[in-house]
Protein backbone atom coordinates (compact mmCIF):
# COMPACT_ATOMS: atom_id res chain seq x y z
CA MET A 1 -0.05 -0.07 -0.03
CA THR A 2 1.23 3.51 -0.75
CA THR A 3 -0.02 7.13 0.03
CA SER A 4 1.15 8.59 -3.09
CA GLY A 5 -1.79 7.51 -5.21
CA ARG A 6 -4.16 9.64 -7.28
CA LEU A 7 -7.18 9.39 -9.12
CA PRO A 8 -7.51 9.89 -12.77
CA ALA A 9 -7.90 13.50 -14.00
CA ILE A 10 -10.66 12.38 -16.23
CA PRO A 11 -13.38 9.85 -14.90
CA PRO A 12 -13.37 6.50 -16.60
CA LEU A 13 -16.03 5.77 -19.20
CA PHE A 14 -18.34 2.92 -19.09
CA LEU A 15 -19.57 1.57 -22.47
CA THR A 16 -22.76 -0.50 -22.35
CA ASP A 17 -23.89 -3.07 -24.98
CA GLU A 18 -26.25 -0.49 -26.29
CA ASP A 19 -23.34 1.93 -26.65
CA VAL A 20 -21.22 -0.43 -28.27
CA ALA A 21 -23.79 -1.19 -30.89
CA ALA A 22 -24.69 2.59 -31.54
CA LEU A 23 -20.70 3.05 -32.09
CA SER A 24 -19.74 -0.07 -34.07
CA ASN A 25 -18.52 0.90 -37.59
CA TRP A 26 -16.84 -1.44 -40.01
CA THR A 27 -14.72 1.02 -41.70
CA HIS A 28 -13.30 2.23 -38.40
CA ALA A 29 -12.77 -1.14 -37.27
CA ILE A 30 -11.12 -2.37 -40.26
CA ASP A 31 -8.87 0.73 -40.22
CA ALA A 32 -8.04 -0.08 -36.51
CA VAL A 33 -7.14 -3.58 -37.22
CA ARG A 34 -5.04 -2.79 -40.40
CA GLY A 35 -2.97 -0.08 -38.46
CA ALA A 36 -2.31 -2.64 -35.52
CA TYR A 37 -0.97 -5.31 -37.99
CA THR A 38 1.22 -3.10 -39.96
CA ALA A 39 2.89 -1.66 -36.73
CA ALA A 40 5.82 -3.22 -35.14
CA GLU A 41 4.61 -5.92 -32.87
CA SER A 42 6.15 -8.77 -30.83
CA SER A 43 4.91 -11.74 -28.93
CA THR A 44 5.57 -9.91 -25.55
CA ARG A 45 3.23 -7.02 -26.67
CA THR A 46 0.25 -9.56 -27.06
CA PRO A 47 1.05 -12.85 -25.30
CA GLY A 48 -1.31 -16.01 -25.63
CA ARG A 49 -4.52 -16.33 -23.70
CA ILE A 50 -4.38 -17.07 -19.98
CA PHE A 51 -6.75 -19.72 -18.63
CA ALA A 52 -8.09 -20.39 -15.13
CA GLN A 53 -10.90 -22.95 -14.76
CA SER A 54 -12.65 -25.37 -12.40
CA PRO A 55 -15.16 -28.20 -13.45
CA ARG A 56 -18.03 -25.44 -13.05
CA GLU A 57 -16.61 -22.07 -14.13
CA TRP A 58 -13.77 -20.55 -16.32
CA MET A 59 -12.00 -17.34 -16.99
CA ARG A 60 -9.84 -16.31 -19.98
CA ILE A 61 -7.84 -13.18 -20.19
CA MET A 62 -6.54 -11.71 -23.51
CA PRO A 63 -4.04 -8.96 -22.73
CA SER A 64 -2.26 -6.62 -25.34
CA VAL A 65 0.11 -3.56 -25.29
CA PRO A 66 -0.52 -2.58 -28.96
CA GLU A 67 2.35 -0.64 -30.64
CA SER A 68 -0.27 1.49 -32.20
CA GLY A 69 -2.66 3.60 -30.32
CA ARG A 70 -2.63 5.40 -26.96
CA LEU A 71 -4.27 2.57 -24.92
CA LEU A 72 -3.52 -0.82 -23.40
CA GLY A 73 -5.66 -3.38 -21.80
CA ALA A 74 -7.15 -6.83 -21.73
CA LYS A 75 -10.48 -8.54 -22.44
CA SER A 76 -11.76 -10.95 -19.76
CA ILE A 77 -14.19 -13.64 -20.62
CA VAL A 78 -16.00 -15.31 -17.80
CA GLY A 79 -18.15 -18.55 -18.11
CA SER A 80 -20.22 -20.33 -15.66
CA PHE A 81 -21.93 -23.76 -15.91
CA GLY A 82 -24.67 -23.07 -13.30
CA GLU A 83 -28.22 -23.73 -14.39
CA GLU A 84 -26.90 -23.14 -17.99
CA LEU A 85 -23.61 -21.96 -19.65
CA ARG A 86 -23.50 -18.28 -19.35
CA VAL A 87 -20.66 -15.91 -20.57
CA SER A 88 -19.70 -12.34 -19.90
CA TYR A 89 -17.05 -10.28 -21.70
CA LEU A 90 -15.42 -7.17 -20.23
CA ILE A 91 -12.78 -4.94 -21.78
CA SER A 92 -10.49 -2.72 -19.55
CA LEU A 93 -8.42 0.09 -21.28
CA PHE A 94 -5.64 1.96 -19.45
CA ASP A 95 -3.58 5.00 -20.67
CA LYS A 96 -0.05 4.02 -21.97
CA GLU A 97 1.37 7.33 -20.38
CA THR A 98 -0.30 7.59 -17.11
CA ALA A 99 -1.48 3.99 -16.44
CA ASP A 100 -4.89 5.50 -15.49
CA LEU A 101 -8.14 3.49 -16.05
CA VAL A 102 -9.67 5.01 -19.10
CA ALA A 103 -12.57 2.90 -19.88
CA LEU A 104 -14.68 -0.35 -18.99
CA ILE A 105 -16.59 -1.68 -22.16
CA ASP A 106 -19.10 -4.44 -22.44
CA GLY A 107 -17.13 -6.85 -24.76
CA ASN A 108 -20.35 -8.74 -25.90
CA ARG A 109 -20.50 -7.40 -29.51
CA VAL A 110 -16.71 -6.29 -29.66
CA THR A 111 -15.43 -10.14 -30.31
CA GLY A 112 -17.77 -10.24 -33.41
CA LEU A 113 -16.73 -6.79 -34.74
CA ARG A 114 -13.04 -7.29 -34.42
CA THR A 115 -13.06 -10.91 -35.68
CA ALA A 116 -14.87 -10.02 -38.95
CA ALA A 117 -12.86 -6.84 -39.25
CA THR A 118 -9.80 -8.80 -38.92
CA THR A 119 -11.00 -11.44 -41.24
CA ALA A 120 -11.66 -8.85 -44.01
CA VAL A 121 -8.31 -7.26 -43.71
CA GLY A 122 -6.60 -10.64 -44.00
CA THR A 123 -8.80 -12.15 -46.77
CA GLU A 124 -8.26 -8.97 -48.84
CA ALA A 125 -4.49 -9.52 -48.64
CA ILE A 126 -4.69 -13.14 -50.09
CA ALA A 127 -7.90 -13.13 -52.48
CA PRO A 128 -7.85 -12.11 -56.10
CA ALA A 129 -8.40 -8.54 -57.01
CA ARG A 130 -11.67 -9.12 -59.07
CA PRO A 131 -15.33 -10.07 -58.60
CA LEU A 132 -15.46 -13.27 -56.61
CA THR A 133 -17.80 -16.26 -56.28
CA VAL A 134 -18.42 -16.72 -52.66
CA GLY A 135 -19.63 -19.76 -51.00
CA VAL A 136 -20.79 -19.31 -47.34
CA ILE A 137 -21.02 -22.32 -45.04
CA GLY A 138 -23.20 -21.19 -42.19
CA SER A 139 -25.90 -18.61 -41.56
CA GLY A 140 -25.67 -17.39 -38.28
CA PHE A 141 -24.13 -14.40 -36.62
CA GLU A 142 -20.60 -15.13 -37.59
CA ALA A 143 -21.43 -15.81 -41.15
CA ARG A 144 -23.39 -12.54 -41.40
CA SER A 145 -20.77 -10.50 -39.66
CA HIS A 146 -18.12 -11.87 -41.80
CA LEU A 147 -19.96 -11.39 -45.19
CA THR A 148 -20.70 -8.01 -44.08
CA ALA A 149 -17.32 -6.98 -43.53
CA LEU A 150 -15.67 -8.76 -46.37
CA ALA A 151 -18.16 -6.78 -48.66
CA TYR A 152 -16.32 -3.60 -47.29
CA LEU A 153 -13.01 -4.62 -49.17
CA LEU A 154 -13.95 -7.20 -51.69
CA GLU A 155 -16.16 -7.27 -54.79
CA PHE A 156 -18.60 -10.17 -55.34
CA ALA A 157 -19.79 -11.61 -58.36
CA GLU A 158 -22.15 -14.00 -56.68
CA VAL A 159 -22.86 -15.35 -53.12
CA ARG A 160 -24.15 -19.02 -52.35
CA VAL A 161 -24.85 -20.00 -48.99
CA PHE A 162 -25.80 -23.10 -47.21
CA SER A 163 -26.71 -24.09 -43.58
CA PRO A 164 -28.62 -27.31 -42.50
CA THR A 165 -31.85 -25.21 -41.60
CA GLN A 166 -33.55 -24.33 -44.75
CA SER A 167 -35.51 -21.43 -43.42
CA ASN A 168 -32.26 -20.00 -42.04
CA ARG A 169 -30.31 -20.27 -45.19
CA GLU A 170 -33.18 -18.79 -47.26
CA ALA A 171 -33.59 -15.80 -44.70
CA PHE A 172 -29.77 -15.13 -45.20
CA ALA A 173 -30.01 -15.14 -48.81
CA ARG A 174 -32.90 -12.98 -49.05
CA ASP A 175 -31.35 -10.45 -46.47
CA PHE A 176 -27.92 -10.22 -48.31
CA ASP A 177 -29.73 -10.24 -51.83
CA ALA A 178 -31.25 -7.15 -51.01
CA GLN A 179 -28.11 -5.41 -49.32
CA LEU A 180 -25.27 -6.55 -51.87
CA SER A 181 -24.84 -5.68 -55.50
CA ALA A 182 -24.26 -9.38 -56.37
CA PRO A 183 -26.96 -11.97 -56.22
CA VAL A 184 -27.16 -14.26 -53.31
CA THR A 185 -28.88 -17.76 -53.31
CA ALA A 186 -29.44 -20.34 -50.97
CA VAL A 187 -28.21 -23.85 -51.83
CA THR A 188 -29.06 -27.40 -50.63
CA SER A 189 -25.58 -28.43 -49.63
CA ALA A 190 -22.27 -27.24 -48.38
CA ARG A 191 -20.74 -28.86 -51.38
CA ALA A 192 -23.05 -26.86 -53.73
CA ALA A 193 -21.78 -23.68 -51.91
CA ALA A 194 -18.10 -24.48 -51.93
CA GLU A 195 -17.60 -26.08 -55.41
CA GLY A 196 -16.40 -23.62 -58.05
CA ALA A 197 -16.07 -20.89 -55.46
CA ASP A 198 -13.27 -18.49 -55.64
CA LEU A 199 -13.69 -17.67 -51.95
CA VAL A 200 -15.12 -20.19 -49.31
CA LEU A 201 -16.21 -18.61 -45.91
CA CYS A 202 -16.46 -21.40 -43.25
CA ALA A 203 -18.58 -20.05 -40.38
CA ALA A 204 -20.57 -22.80 -38.87
CA ARG A 205 -19.62 -25.13 -36.11
CA SER A 206 -20.57 -28.67 -36.84
CA ARG A 207 -22.55 -30.47 -34.43
CA ASP A 208 -20.03 -33.43 -34.14
CA GLU A 209 -16.70 -31.15 -34.56
CA SER A 210 -16.16 -32.78 -37.85
CA PRO A 211 -14.83 -30.60 -40.84
CA THR A 212 -17.81 -28.53 -42.61
CA VAL A 213 -15.95 -28.40 -46.01
CA GLN A 214 -14.15 -31.41 -47.80
CA ALA A 215 -10.78 -31.07 -49.58
CA GLU A 216 -12.20 -32.39 -52.97
CA TRP A 217 -14.97 -29.49 -52.98
CA VAL A 218 -12.15 -26.66 -52.90
CA GLY A 219 -10.72 -25.65 -56.38
CA PRO A 220 -6.92 -25.42 -56.88
CA ASP A 221 -6.63 -21.70 -56.74
CA ALA A 222 -9.41 -20.81 -54.11
CA THR A 223 -9.26 -18.83 -50.93
CA VAL A 224 -10.53 -20.45 -47.82
CA VAL A 225 -11.50 -18.48 -44.65
CA SER A 226 -11.66 -20.44 -41.45
CA ILE A 227 -12.93 -18.79 -38.22
CA GLY A 228 -14.77 -21.55 -36.33
CA SER A 229 -12.01 -23.73 -34.98
CA THR A 230 -10.42 -21.83 -32.02
CA THR A 231 -9.75 -24.57 -29.65
CA PRO A 232 -7.84 -27.97 -29.62
CA GLY A 233 -11.25 -29.94 -29.61
CA GLN A 234 -12.97 -28.03 -32.56
CA ARG A 235 -12.73 -28.99 -36.33
CA GLU A 236 -13.55 -27.22 -39.53
CA LEU A 237 -11.07 -27.86 -42.23
CA PRO A 238 -10.06 -31.32 -42.94
CA ALA A 239 -6.29 -32.33 -42.91
CA ALA A 240 -6.32 -33.11 -46.61
CA LEU A 241 -7.50 -29.45 -47.46
CA LEU A 242 -4.56 -28.10 -45.41
CA ALA A 243 -2.18 -30.34 -47.11
CA ARG A 244 -3.14 -28.92 -50.50
CA ALA A 245 -2.51 -25.46 -49.24
CA THR A 246 0.20 -23.47 -50.31
CA VAL A 247 0.09 -20.95 -47.35
CA VAL A 248 -2.16 -20.42 -44.20
CA VAL A 249 -2.20 -16.80 -42.98
CA ALA A 250 -2.85 -16.56 -39.20
CA ASP A 251 -4.03 -13.78 -37.04
CA ALA A 252 -2.21 -15.36 -34.12
CA PRO A 253 0.39 -17.99 -35.53
CA GLU A 254 1.24 -19.62 -32.33
CA GLU A 255 -2.25 -20.08 -31.02
CA VAL A 256 -3.33 -21.28 -34.64
CA VAL A 257 -0.61 -23.74 -34.75
CA HIS A 258 -0.86 -25.06 -31.30
CA GLY A 259 -4.45 -24.09 -30.17
CA SER A 260 -6.70 -25.01 -33.26
CA GLY A 261 -8.07 -28.42 -33.81
CA ASP A 262 -7.68 -28.18 -37.38
CA LEU A 263 -3.92 -27.56 -37.26
CA ILE A 264 -3.26 -29.99 -34.39
CA ALA A 265 -5.01 -32.87 -36.46
CA ALA A 266 -3.17 -31.91 -39.64
CA ARG A 267 0.09 -32.23 -37.97
CA ALA A 268 -0.90 -35.60 -36.45
CA GLU A 269 -1.60 -36.75 -40.20
CA GLY A 270 1.72 -35.57 -41.47
CA VAL A 271 1.12 -32.12 -42.69
CA ASP A 272 4.06 -29.84 -42.12
CA VAL A 273 1.92 -27.13 -40.44
CA ASP A 274 4.91 -25.14 -39.35
CA SER A 275 6.10 -24.33 -42.80
CA LEU A 276 2.69 -23.50 -43.97
CA VAL A 277 1.53 -21.06 -41.37
CA VAL A 278 2.70 -17.34 -41.69
CA PRO A 279 1.73 -14.29 -39.68
CA LEU A 280 -0.93 -11.88 -40.98
CA SER A 281 1.41 -9.00 -40.14
CA GLY A 282 4.28 -10.28 -42.34
CA VAL A 283 1.81 -10.43 -45.23
CA LEU A 284 0.48 -6.95 -44.89
CA LEU A 285 3.81 -5.68 -44.37
CA GLY A 286 5.03 -7.12 -47.68
CA GLU A 287 7.54 -9.38 -45.93
CA ILE A 288 6.22 -12.55 -46.89
CA PRO A 289 4.92 -12.54 -50.64
CA VAL A 290 1.60 -14.34 -51.30
CA ASP A 291 0.31 -15.07 -54.95
CA ARG A 292 -3.16 -13.89 -54.74
CA ASP A 293 -4.20 -15.77 -57.90
CA ALA A 294 -2.61 -19.31 -57.63
CA GLY A 295 -2.69 -22.14 -55.03
CA ILE A 296 -5.06 -22.63 -52.11
CA ARG A 297 -4.59 -19.68 -49.60
CA VAL A 298 -6.27 -20.22 -46.24
CA TYR A 299 -6.93 -17.25 -43.73
CA LYS A 300 -7.01 -18.87 -40.18
CA SER A 301 -8.35 -17.04 -37.12
CA THR A 302 -8.23 -17.94 -33.39
CA GLY A 303 -8.57 -14.14 -32.27
CA SER A 304 -6.18 -12.02 -30.33
CA GLY A 305 -6.39 -9.49 -27.50
CA LEU A 306 -4.56 -6.96 -29.97
CA GLN A 307 -7.76 -7.04 -31.91
CA ASP A 308 -10.01 -6.32 -28.95
CA ILE A 309 -7.82 -3.42 -27.55
CA VAL A 310 -7.34 -1.62 -30.85
CA VAL A 311 -11.06 -1.90 -31.74
CA ALA A 312 -12.12 -1.07 -28.08
CA GLU A 313 -9.89 2.11 -28.36
CA MET A 314 -11.79 2.93 -31.49
CA LEU A 315 -15.06 2.70 -29.79
CA TYR A 316 -13.77 4.65 -26.71
CA ASP A 317 -12.60 7.54 -29.02
CA ARG A 318 -15.88 7.62 -30.79
CA ALA A 319 -17.79 7.57 -27.75
CA ARG A 320 -15.83 10.80 -26.22
CA SER A 321 -16.34 12.57 -29.55
CA GLU A 322 -20.05 11.60 -29.95
CA GLY A 323 -21.24 11.80 -26.20
CA TYR A 324 -21.86 7.91 -25.77
CA GLY A 325 -21.14 6.11 -22.50
CA HIS A 326 -21.46 6.89 -18.77
CA GLU A 327 -18.79 8.63 -16.74
CA LEU A 328 -18.20 6.68 -13.48
CA PRO A 329 -18.60 8.39 -10.25
CA VAL A 330 -15.34 6.85 -9.02
CA GLY A 331 -12.14 5.52 -10.42
CA ILE A 332 -9.11 3.57 -9.30
CA VAL A 333 -6.11 5.00 -7.61
CA THR A 334 -2.84 5.13 -9.67
CA THR A 335 0.32 4.93 -7.50
CA LYS A 336 3.95 5.82 -7.92
CA LYS A 337 6.24 3.13 -7.17
């Protein structure tokens, strides 16, 4: 304990889920992510996830000290298997210069915003620069957010969507057909969505954790986006598809290699995943050349605290300039050591 502490000069801001919804902006989120991945980063700035758990509850911490921006912080994810699984997300932001608490943000919507924004940036870097035929596997929140974000950076020739529930895939097709300049149709199988597609977006968890797309469905020069296998027990892409890939671009290479069920299974089946996986930052900076027109290119995401913090800073800045959020009546003490 010390008596040299002081409270922040500016009260911390709390952003509710409604505030985040009002402030979310795809262009600003994409710009924030691109800026983060084209700055000089290191593993010490954004280490891997920290887990604490018991049979009944768990907590995951995703910290980051981005090279870009004025703020640092962490996203905390808390889950409880009480009467049912319930999960809460909280992002805390601190000033780099003063260590003052700047904001607490409900992270419920931030995860989807930052994940899809990063996918858009990563996919643009490896997909052909022409109108694309897109196959979407999934019709839920992730599929919707990712197709929306991708539309900001890519041009579509047509979009085909499959999910197991007919009404869901038809609603997805109807909604996006009205939003996009390209036709969007619902198809009756994942194969029909993927075959002949320039870009295959995998955004659906399989019920039995088996791959949702098969290697033989994917063309020799397709781009594949995989965002649904983020833990060792989850599967989305088969090892045979990864064996055909020329490159796997990862937002968090260490976690993709060691924490994604797809890459773990591929290694077990003899795929040299270490030579395949490259960092998104290296591709964006031009350090790792990728032929956007030849070979199967995979974008693989497990998420990162870096994405959370830079997007949260964008939301905080917009909140201050546009009058959103709730100033807290108290703050935490910052002390000299």
